C-alpha cells in the first residue's frame, strides 16, 4: 500500500475480513483521546470506549490498548475494558481476565533511573517529572514552544549520557522526553501479545508518535501500522489517519465492515 493512497482502502478491508483472526492495537494519547495540558483530563472522544468494547467482542478479534501510561491510568480513563492492556511501553501487561505481568528493570537500570530523576530535579524540572515502573518522563505540554524545546534538548542530552552507562534509552514523545529501560517497547509487547493468539493473526496497530514507531517496525512484514497525524511524517507505518476523530471513524467502519462480512 502506498502511503499517499486514501486509507482505509477496499484492499485493506478485504484482507481484514479474510484473516482467520485479527489483532487491533491502539495507542491511547493522540489516538483514542486528544491531548490535554493536564494529562488526566485527556479523556477519549465521546463514544470511543463503547466502540473499543464492541470491537473486542467481535468474533475472531482481539483488541489491545498499548500506551506509555501505566495500566491503572488507562483503566481509569478508558473504563472497563475486557482486552489486553500494555502499560508503560510494555513493561506492564494486563491480560483478558485481569492477570497482570510486569517486567521490572534490572538493578543496574533501576540505579540509572534514580540517577536520571535526580539529575532532572537538580536542573529544576522536578515538578514536571513522572516516574513509572521502568522510566522517567519530563512533560512539557502547556509550556511555550521555545521553552519546551530548550527543556527537552537540555534533559535529552543529560539523560542520553546517563543512558549509555545504565542500558537506558532516551526518546522524545509528543509533549516531552523520556528515559526508559532497554529490552521492552511497544513492538516487543505486541509480538508478545501475538504469541497468545491463533496462527496467522493479522495485526493492525494505530499510534501517533515516535514511541509507536517500534510497533510499526515490528509489524511491517506481516501487519498494518497506521500513523495518526500529518501524512508527511517519516514513519515505518503503512498508512495515515488525520487525528483522533479519524481514528473514531475508522473504528466505526471496522465494526460495520465486520458485520457486513458475516
C-alpha atoms as a PDB file:
ATOM      1  CA  UNK A   1       0.000   0.000   0.000  1.00  0.00           C
ATOM      2  CA  UNK A   2       1.400   3.427  -0.952  1.00  0.00           C
ATOM      3  CA  UNK A   3       1.289   5.981   1.868  1.00  0.00           C
ATOM      4  CA  UNK A   4      -0.256   8.538  -0.487  1.00  0.00           C
ATOM      5  CA  UNK A   5      -3.328   6.346  -1.074  1.00  0.00           C
ATOM      6  CA  UNK A   6      -6.546   7.268   0.770  1.00  0.00           C
ATOM      7  CA  UNK A   7      -6.966   4.980   3.759  1.00  0.00           C
ATOM      8  CA  UNK A   8      -8.626   2.656   4.565  1.00  0.00           C
ATOM      9  CA  UNK A   9      -8.747   1.069   1.104  1.00  0.00           C
ATOM     10  CA  UNK A  10     -11.045  -1.640  -0.198  1.00  0.00           C
ATOM     11  CA  UNK A  11      -7.996  -3.938  -0.338  1.00  0.00           C
ATOM     12  CA  UNK A  12      -7.349  -3.367   3.373  1.00  0.00           C
ATOM     13  CA  UNK A  13     -10.910  -4.268   4.345  1.00  0.00           C
ATOM     14  CA  UNK A  14     -10.827  -7.318   2.087  1.00  0.00           C
ATOM     15  CA  UNK A  15      -7.633  -8.592   3.735  1.00  0.00           C
ATOM     16  CA  UNK A  16      -9.056  -7.853   7.186  1.00  0.00           C
ATOM     17  CA  UNK A  17     -12.251  -9.831   6.515  1.00  0.00           C
ATOM     18  CA  UNK A  18     -10.272 -12.769   5.105  1.00  0.00           C
ATOM     19  CA  UNK A  19      -7.934 -13.021   8.113  1.00  0.00           C
ATOM     20  CA  UNK A  20      -8.638 -16.020  10.394  1.00  0.00           C
ATOM     21  CA  UNK A  21      -8.060 -13.778  13.421  1.00  0.00           C
ATOM     22  CA  UNK A  22      -7.378 -10.064  13.926  1.00  0.00           C
ATOM     23  CA  UNK A  23      -5.397  -8.081  16.499  1.00  0.00           C
ATOM     24  CA  UNK A  24      -6.180  -4.373  16.773  1.00  0.00           C
ATOM     25  CA  UNK A  25      -3.588  -2.494  18.828  1.00  0.00           C
ATOM     26  CA  UNK A  26      -4.403   1.057  19.882  1.00  0.00           C
ATOM     27  CA  UNK A  27      -2.239   3.737  21.426  1.00  0.00           C
ATOM     28  CA  UNK A  28      -4.113   5.975  23.877  1.00  0.00           C
ATOM     29  CA  UNK A  29      -2.956   9.623  23.881  1.00  0.00           C
ATOM     30  CA  UNK A  30      -3.361  11.279  20.497  1.00  0.00           C
ATOM     31  CA  UNK A  31      -5.116   8.176  19.162  1.00  0.00           C
ATOM     32  CA  UNK A  32      -8.141   7.382  21.306  1.00  0.00           C
ATOM     33  CA  UNK A  33      -8.023  10.672  23.201  1.00  0.00           C
ATOM     34  CA  UNK A  34      -6.952  14.169  22.090  1.00  0.00           C
ATOM     35  CA  UNK A  35      -4.029  15.650  24.009  1.00  0.00           C
ATOM     36  CA  UNK A  36      -4.655  17.876  27.012  1.00  0.00           C
ATOM     37  CA  UNK A  37      -2.282  20.005  29.106  1.00  0.00           C
ATOM     38  CA  UNK A  38      -3.494  18.219  32.245  1.00  0.00           C
ATOM     39  CA  UNK A  39      -2.820  14.562  31.489  1.00  0.00           C
ATOM     40  CA  UNK A  40      -5.724  13.135  33.470  1.00  0.00           C
ATOM     41  CA  UNK A  41      -8.142  15.324  31.524  1.00  0.00           C
ATOM     42  CA  UNK A  42      -7.216  13.510  28.297  1.00  0.00           C
ATOM     43  CA  UNK A  43     -10.424  11.501  28.035  1.00  0.00           C
ATOM     44  CA  UNK A  44     -11.479   9.529  24.936  1.00  0.00           C
ATOM     45  CA  UNK A  45     -13.737  11.136  22.369  1.00  0.00           C
ATOM     46  CA  UNK A  46     -17.420  10.564  23.080  1.00  0.00           C
ATOM     47  CA  UNK A  47     -18.431   7.035  22.119  1.00  0.00           C
ATOM     48  CA  UNK A  48     -14.889   5.685  21.782  1.00  0.00           C
ATOM     49  CA  UNK A  49     -14.901   3.479  24.927  1.00  0.00           C
ATOM     50  CA  UNK A  50     -18.077   1.769  23.669  1.00  0.00           C
ATOM     51  CA  UNK A  51     -16.527   1.280  20.233  1.00  0.00           C
ATOM     52  CA  UNK A  52     -13.427  -0.316  21.746  1.00  0.00           C
ATOM     53  CA  UNK A  53     -15.585  -2.632  23.844  1.00  0.00           C
ATOM     54  CA  UNK A  54     -17.723  -3.570  20.821  1.00  0.00           C
ATOM     55  CA  UNK A  55     -14.619  -4.334  18.769  1.00  0.00           C
ATOM     56  CA  UNK A  56     -13.246  -6.570  21.497  1.00  0.00           C
ATOM     57  CA  UNK A  57     -16.465  -8.638  21.402  1.00  0.00           C
ATOM     58  CA  UNK A  58     -16.413  -9.242  17.636  1.00  0.00           C
ATOM     59  CA  UNK A  59     -15.726 -12.837  16.548  1.00  0.00           C
ATOM     60  CA  UNK A  60     -12.065 -13.697  15.932  1.00  0.00           C
ATOM     61  CA  UNK A  61     -10.962 -10.248  17.095  1.00  0.00           C
ATOM     62  CA  UNK A  62      -8.590  -9.252  19.895  1.00  0.00           C
ATOM     63  CA  UNK A  63      -8.107  -5.650  20.998  1.00  0.00           C
ATOM     64  CA  UNK A  64      -5.079  -4.340  22.890  1.00  0.00           C
ATOM     65  CA  UNK A  65      -4.509  -0.834  24.219  1.00  0.00           C
ATOM     66  CA  UNK A  66      -0.761  -0.145  24.200  1.00  0.00           C
ATOM     67  CA  UNK A  67       0.380   3.016  25.948  1.00  0.00           C
ATOM     68  CA  UNK A  68       3.200   4.740  27.729  1.00  0.00           C
ATOM     69  CA  UNK A  69       0.767   5.365  30.579  1.00  0.00           C
ATOM     70  CA  UNK A  70       0.551   2.915  33.496  1.00  0.00           C
ATOM     71  CA  UNK A  71      -2.255   0.355  33.302  1.00  0.00           C
ATOM     72  CA  UNK A  72      -4.145   1.941  36.213  1.00  0.00           C
ATOM     73  CA  UNK A  73      -4.427   5.245  34.334  1.00  0.00           C
ATOM     74  CA  UNK A  74      -5.724   3.540  31.210  1.00  0.00           C
ATOM     75  CA  UNK A  75      -8.383   1.715  33.207  1.00  0.00           C
ATOM     76  CA  UNK A  76      -9.394   4.957  34.912  1.00  0.00           C
ATOM     77  CA  UNK A  77      -9.609   6.953  31.689  1.00  0.00           C
ATOM     78  CA  UNK A  78     -10.986   4.299  29.319  1.00  0.00           C
ATOM     79  CA  UNK A  79     -13.231   2.490  31.759  1.00  0.00           C
ATOM     80  CA  UNK A  80     -13.851  -1.244  31.963  1.00  0.00           C
ATOM     81  CA  UNK A  81     -12.219  -2.979  29.033  1.00  0.00           C
ATOM     82  CA  UNK A  82     -12.027  -6.772  28.515  1.00  0.00           C
ATOM     83  CA  UNK A  83      -8.964  -6.898  26.241  1.00  0.00           C
ATOM     84  CA  UNK A  84      -5.207  -6.666  26.691  1.00  0.00           C
ATOM     85  CA  UNK A  85      -3.725  -3.500  28.182  1.00  0.00           C
ATOM     86  CA  UNK A  86       0.020  -2.924  27.818  1.00  0.00           C
ATOM     87  CA  UNK A  87       1.163  -0.062  30.030  1.00  0.00           C
ATOM     88  CA  UNK A  88       4.467   1.763  30.488  1.00  0.00           C
ATOM     89  CA  UNK A  89       5.548   0.927  26.909  1.00  0.00           C
ATOM     90  CA  UNK A  90       5.041  -2.788  27.533  1.00  0.00           C
ATOM     91  CA  UNK A  91       6.716  -3.157  30.928  1.00  0.00           C
ATOM     92  CA  UNK A  92       3.234  -3.946  32.292  1.00  0.00           C
ATOM     93  CA  UNK A  93       0.704  -6.253  30.616  1.00  0.00           C
ATOM     94  CA  UNK A  94      -2.820  -6.980  31.773  1.00  0.00           C
ATOM     95  CA  UNK A  95      -4.331  -9.996  30.038  1.00  0.00           C
ATOM     96  CA  UNK A  96      -8.061 -10.525  29.487  1.00  0.00           C
ATOM     97  CA  UNK A  97      -9.355 -11.751  32.812  1.00  0.00           C
ATOM     98  CA  UNK A  98      -7.223  -9.340  34.814  1.00  0.00           C
ATOM     99  CA  UNK A  99      -3.900 -11.178  35.261  1.00  0.00           C
ATOM    100  CA  UNK A 100      -1.067  -8.630  35.270  1.00  0.00           C
ATOM    101  CA  UNK A 101       2.555  -9.377  34.464  1.00  0.00           C
ATOM    102  CA  UNK A 102       5.352  -6.881  34.949  1.00  0.00           C
ATOM    103  CA  UNK A 103       8.872  -6.680  33.588  1.00  0.00           C
ATOM    104  CA  UNK A 104      10.833  -4.567  36.075  1.00  0.00           C
ATOM    105  CA  UNK A 105      14.164  -3.007  35.089  1.00  0.00           C
ATOM    106  CA  UNK A 106      17.421  -4.685  36.088  1.00  0.00           C
ATOM    107  CA  UNK A 107      19.167  -3.418  39.242  1.00  0.00           C
ATOM    108  CA  UNK A 108      21.629  -1.546  37.031  1.00  0.00           C
ATOM    109  CA  UNK A 109      18.822   0.081  35.053  1.00  0.00           C
ATOM    110  CA  UNK A 110      16.963   0.955  38.268  1.00  0.00           C
ATOM    111  CA  UNK A 111      20.054   2.766  39.556  1.00  0.00           C
ATOM    112  CA  UNK A 112      20.254   4.662  36.294  1.00  0.00           C
ATOM    113  CA  UNK A 113      16.622   5.750  36.537  1.00  0.00           C
ATOM    114  CA  UNK A 114      17.260   7.071  40.050  1.00  0.00           C
ATOM    115  CA  UNK A 115      20.264   8.966  38.691  1.00  0.00           C
ATOM    116  CA  UNK A 116      18.170  10.325  35.813  1.00  0.00           C
ATOM    117  CA  UNK A 117      15.463  11.617  38.137  1.00  0.00           C
ATOM    118  CA  UNK A 118      17.984  13.207  40.496  1.00  0.00           C
ATOM    119  CA  UNK A 119      19.651  14.925  37.535  1.00  0.00           C
ATOM    120  CA  UNK A 120      16.345  16.332  36.288  1.00  0.00           C
ATOM    121  CA  UNK A 121      15.434  17.590  39.755  1.00  0.00           C
ATOM    122  CA  UNK A 122      18.795  19.381  40.057  1.00  0.00           C
ATOM    123  CA  UNK A 123      18.091  21.022  36.686  1.00  0.00           C
ATOM    124  CA  UNK A 124      14.835  22.435  38.081  1.00  0.00           C
ATOM    125  CA  UNK A 125      12.393  20.092  36.319  1.00  0.00           C
ATOM    126  CA  UNK A 126      11.125  18.191  39.379  1.00  0.00           C
ATOM    127  CA  UNK A 127       7.508  19.346  39.182  1.00  0.00           C
ATOM    128  CA  UNK A 128       7.205  18.131  35.584  1.00  0.00           C
ATOM    129  CA  UNK A 129       8.558  14.611  36.122  1.00  0.00           C
ATOM    130  CA  UNK A 130       6.607  11.352  36.084  1.00  0.00           C
ATOM    131  CA  UNK A 131       8.165   8.113  37.327  1.00  0.00           C
ATOM    132  CA  UNK A 132       6.897   4.748  36.078  1.00  0.00           C
ATOM    133  CA  UNK A 133       7.946   1.135  36.527  1.00  0.00           C
ATOM    134  CA  UNK A 134      10.833   1.380  34.047  1.00  0.00           C
ATOM    135  CA  UNK A 135      11.077   5.021  33.014  1.00  0.00           C
ATOM    136  CA  UNK A 136      11.110   8.671  33.988  1.00  0.00           C
ATOM    137  CA  UNK A 137       9.365  11.237  31.789  1.00  0.00           C
ATOM    138  CA  UNK A 138       9.529  15.011  31.537  1.00  0.00           C
ATOM    139  CA  UNK A 139       6.207  16.540  30.448  1.00  0.00           C
ATOM    140  CA  UNK A 140       6.373  19.885  28.646  1.00  0.00           C
ATOM    141  CA  UNK A 141       2.828  20.203  27.284  1.00  0.00           C
ATOM    142  CA  UNK A 142       1.410  23.641  28.096  1.00  0.00           C
ATOM    143  CA  UNK A 143       4.852  25.290  28.094  1.00  0.00           C
ATOM    144  CA  UNK A 144       5.732  27.911  25.482  1.00  0.00           C
ATOM    145  CA  UNK A 145       7.111  26.032  22.438  1.00  0.00           C
ATOM    146  CA  UNK A 146      10.593  27.589  22.515  1.00  0.00           C
ATOM    147  CA  UNK A 147      10.971  26.976  26.252  1.00  0.00           C
ATOM    148  CA  UNK A 148       9.695  23.395  25.868  1.00  0.00           C
ATOM    149  CA  UNK A 149      12.253  22.707  23.130  1.00  0.00           C
ATOM    150  CA  UNK A 150      15.049  24.066  25.323  1.00  0.00           C
ATOM    151  CA  UNK A 151      13.950  21.960  28.301  1.00  0.00           C
ATOM    152  CA  UNK A 152      13.726  18.815  26.199  1.00  0.00           C
ATOM    153  CA  UNK A 153      17.077  19.474  24.498  1.00  0.00           C
ATOM    154  CA  UNK A 154      18.917  20.003  27.787  1.00  0.00           C
ATOM    155  CA  UNK A 155      17.441  16.989  29.511  1.00  0.00           C
ATOM    156  CA  UNK A 156      17.725  14.769  26.446  1.00  0.00           C
ATOM    157  CA  UNK A 157      21.460  15.431  26.401  1.00  0.00           C
ATOM    158  CA  UNK A 158      21.901  14.750  30.123  1.00  0.00           C
ATOM    159  CA  UNK A 159      19.730  11.632  30.058  1.00  0.00           C
ATOM    160  CA  UNK A 160      21.424  10.263  26.945  1.00  0.00           C
ATOM    161  CA  UNK A 161      24.775  10.345  28.750  1.00  0.00           C
ATOM    162  CA  UNK A 162      23.243   8.504  31.715  1.00  0.00           C
ATOM    163  CA  UNK A 163      21.571   6.029  29.390  1.00  0.00           C
ATOM    164  CA  UNK A 164      24.882   4.917  27.876  1.00  0.00           C
ATOM    165  CA  UNK A 165      26.102   3.837  31.311  1.00  0.00           C
ATOM    166  CA  UNK A 166      22.962   2.110  32.567  1.00  0.00           C
ATOM    167  CA  UNK A 167      21.352   0.449  29.496  1.00  0.00           C
ATOM    168  CA  UNK A 168      18.636   3.062  29.200  1.00  0.00           C
ATOM    169  CA  UNK A 169      17.245   4.759  26.075  1.00  0.00           C
ATOM    170  CA  UNK A 170      16.159   8.375  25.787  1.00  0.00           C
ATOM    171  CA  UNK A 171      13.237   9.081  23.442  1.00  0.00           C
ATOM    172  CA  UNK A 172      11.112  12.070  22.517  1.00  0.00           C
ATOM    173  CA  UNK A 173       7.335  11.728  22.648  1.00  0.00           C
ATOM    174  CA  UNK A 174       4.521  14.107  21.794  1.00  0.00           C
ATOM    175  CA  UNK A 175       4.763  16.529  24.710  1.00  0.00           C
ATOM    176  CA  UNK A 176       8.054  15.641  26.348  1.00  0.00           C
ATOM    177  CA  UNK A 177      11.073  13.380  26.621  1.00  0.00           C
ATOM    178  CA  UNK A 178      11.520  10.077  28.445  1.00  0.00           C
ATOM    179  CA  UNK A 179      14.343   7.829  29.595  1.00  0.00           C
ATOM    180  CA  UNK A 180      13.458   4.165  29.980  1.00  0.00           C
ATOM    181  CA  UNK A 181      14.959   0.720  30.375  1.00  0.00           C
ATOM    182  CA  UNK A 182      16.010  -1.083  27.225  1.00  0.00           C
ATOM    183  CA  UNK A 183      14.623  -4.515  26.373  1.00  0.00           C
ATOM    184  CA  UNK A 184      10.918  -3.749  26.068  1.00  0.00           C
ATOM    185  CA  UNK A 185       8.896  -1.447  23.832  1.00  0.00           C
ATOM    186  CA  UNK A 186       5.551  -1.281  22.056  1.00  0.00           C
ATOM    187  CA  UNK A 187       6.827  -3.553  19.304  1.00  0.00           C
ATOM    188  CA  UNK A 188       8.083  -6.296  21.601  1.00  0.00           C
ATOM    189  CA  UNK A 189       4.898  -6.279  23.676  1.00  0.00           C
ATOM    190  CA  UNK A 190       2.741  -6.551  20.536  1.00  0.00           C
ATOM    191  CA  UNK A 191       4.771  -9.579  19.485  1.00  0.00           C
ATOM    192  CA  UNK A 192       4.275 -10.980  22.991  1.00  0.00           C
ATOM    193  CA  UNK A 193       0.503 -10.490  22.718  1.00  0.00           C
ATOM    194  CA  UNK A 194       0.511 -12.215  19.320  1.00  0.00           C
ATOM    195  CA  UNK A 195       2.074 -15.274  20.961  1.00  0.00           C
ATOM    196  CA  UNK A 196      -1.230 -15.804  22.831  1.00  0.00           C
ATOM    197  CA  UNK A 197      -3.305 -15.631  19.634  1.00  0.00           C
ATOM    198  CA  UNK A 198      -4.014 -18.072  16.799  1.00  0.00           C
ATOM    199  CA  UNK A 199      -1.525 -18.566  13.982  1.00  0.00           C
ATOM    200  CA  UNK A 200      -1.916 -16.209  11.009  1.00  0.00           C
ATOM    201  CA  UNK A 201      -3.479 -13.486  13.148  1.00  0.00           C
ATOM    202  CA  UNK A 202      -3.430 -10.213  11.186  1.00  0.00           C
ATOM    203  CA  UNK A 203      -2.112  -7.409  13.425  1.00  0.00           C
ATOM    204  CA  UNK A 204      -3.131  -3.774  12.951  1.00  0.00           C
ATOM    205  CA  UNK A 205      -1.655  -1.047  15.153  1.00  0.00           C
ATOM    206  CA  UNK A 206      -2.596   2.651  15.374  1.00  0.00           C
ATOM    207  CA  UNK A 207      -0.406   5.250  17.118  1.00  0.00           C
ATOM    208  CA  UNK A 208       0.726   8.831  16.780  1.00  0.00           C
ATOM    209  CA  UNK A 209       4.350   9.440  17.786  1.00  0.00           C
ATOM    210  CA  UNK A 210       7.951   8.242  17.893  1.00  0.00           C
ATOM    211  CA  UNK A 211       7.309   5.630  20.595  1.00  0.00           C
ATOM    212  CA  UNK A 212       4.804   3.957  18.238  1.00  0.00           C
ATOM    213  CA  UNK A 213       7.441   3.523  15.537  1.00  0.00           C
ATOM    214  CA  UNK A 214       8.711   0.454  17.446  1.00  0.00           C
ATOM    215  CA  UNK A 215       5.284  -1.120  16.855  1.00  0.00           C
ATOM    216  CA  UNK A 216       5.159  -0.093  13.191  1.00  0.00           C
ATOM    217  CA  UNK A 217       8.570  -1.664  12.573  1.00  0.00           C
ATOM    218  CA  UNK A 218       7.591  -4.852  14.406  1.00  0.00           C
ATOM    219  CA  UNK A 219       4.523  -5.295  12.176  1.00  0.00           C
ATOM    220  CA  UNK A 220       5.997  -4.074   8.905  1.00  0.00           C
ATOM    221  CA  UNK A 221       6.301  -7.529   7.310  1.00  0.00           C
ATOM    222  CA  UNK A 222       3.016  -9.136   8.359  1.00  0.00           C
ATOM    223  CA  UNK A 223       0.645  -6.416   9.534  1.00  0.00           C
ATOM    224  CA  UNK A 224      -0.514  -2.812   9.207  1.00  0.00           C
ATOM    225  CA  UNK A 225       0.946   0.147  11.057  1.00  0.00           C
ATOM    226  CA  UNK A 226      -1.232   3.272  10.891  1.00  0.00           C
ATOM    227  CA  UNK A 227       0.221   6.634  11.937  1.00  0.00           C
ATOM    228  CA  UNK A 228      -2.070   9.311  13.347  1.00  0.00           C
ATOM    229  CA  UNK A 229      -1.198  12.827  12.209  1.00  0.00           C
ATOM    230  CA  UNK A 230       0.476  14.564   9.281  1.00  0.00           C
ATOM    231  CA  UNK A 231       0.861  12.219   6.307  1.00  0.00           C
ATOM    232  CA  UNK A 232       4.298  13.656   5.505  1.00  0.00           C
ATOM    233  CA  UNK A 233       5.866  12.276   8.683  1.00  0.00           C
ATOM    234  CA  UNK A 234       8.848   9.955   8.311  1.00  0.00           C
ATOM    235  CA  UNK A 235       7.449   6.654   9.546  1.00  0.00           C
ATOM    236  CA  UNK A 236       7.502   2.871   9.228  1.00  0.00           C
ATOM    237  CA  UNK A 237       3.689   2.905   9.188  1.00  0.00           C
ATOM    238  CA  UNK A 238       1.911   1.864   6.014  1.00  0.00           C
ATOM    239  CA  UNK A 239      -0.940   4.381   6.208  1.00  0.00           C
ATOM    240  CA  UNK A 240      -2.188   7.529   7.957  1.00  0.00           C
ATOM    241  CA  UNK A 241      -5.269   8.772   9.788  1.00  0.00           C
ATOM    242  CA  UNK A 242      -5.545  12.519  10.391  1.00  0.00           C
ATOM    243  CA  UNK A 243      -6.429  12.694  14.094  1.00  0.00           C
ATOM    244  CA  UNK A 244      -8.342  11.074  16.957  1.00  0.00           C
ATOM    245  CA  UNK A 245     -11.650  11.876  15.237  1.00  0.00           C
ATOM    246  CA  UNK A 246     -10.468   9.993  12.144  1.00  0.00           C
ATOM    247  CA  UNK A 247      -9.483   7.060  14.371  1.00  0.00           C
ATOM    248  CA  UNK A 248     -13.001   7.023  15.800  1.00  0.00           C
ATOM    249  CA  UNK A 249     -14.409   6.917  12.267  1.00  0.00           C
ATOM    250  CA  UNK A 250     -12.052   4.056  11.408  1.00  0.00           C
ATOM    251  CA  UNK A 251     -13.226   2.042  14.427  1.00  0.00           C
ATOM    252  CA  UNK A 252     -16.860   2.609  13.445  1.00  0.00           C
ATOM    253  CA  UNK A 253     -16.112   1.489   9.889  1.00  0.00           C
ATOM    254  CA  UNK A 254     -14.250  -1.631  11.137  1.00  0.00           C
ATOM    255  CA  UNK A 255     -17.338  -2.687  13.096  1.00  0.00           C
ATOM    256  CA  UNK A 256     -19.644  -2.118  10.122  1.00  0.00           C
ATOM    257  CA  UNK A 257     -17.327  -3.960   7.735  1.00  0.00           C
ATOM    258  CA  UNK A 258     -17.135  -6.986  10.031  1.00  0.00           C
ATOM    259  CA  UNK A 259     -20.927  -7.056  10.366  1.00  0.00           C
ATOM    260  CA  UNK A 260     -21.297  -6.975   6.568  1.00  0.00           C
ATOM    261  CA  UNK A 261     -18.853  -9.851   6.253  1.00  0.00           C
ATOM    262  CA  UNK A 262     -20.967 -12.128   8.463  1.00  0.00           C
END
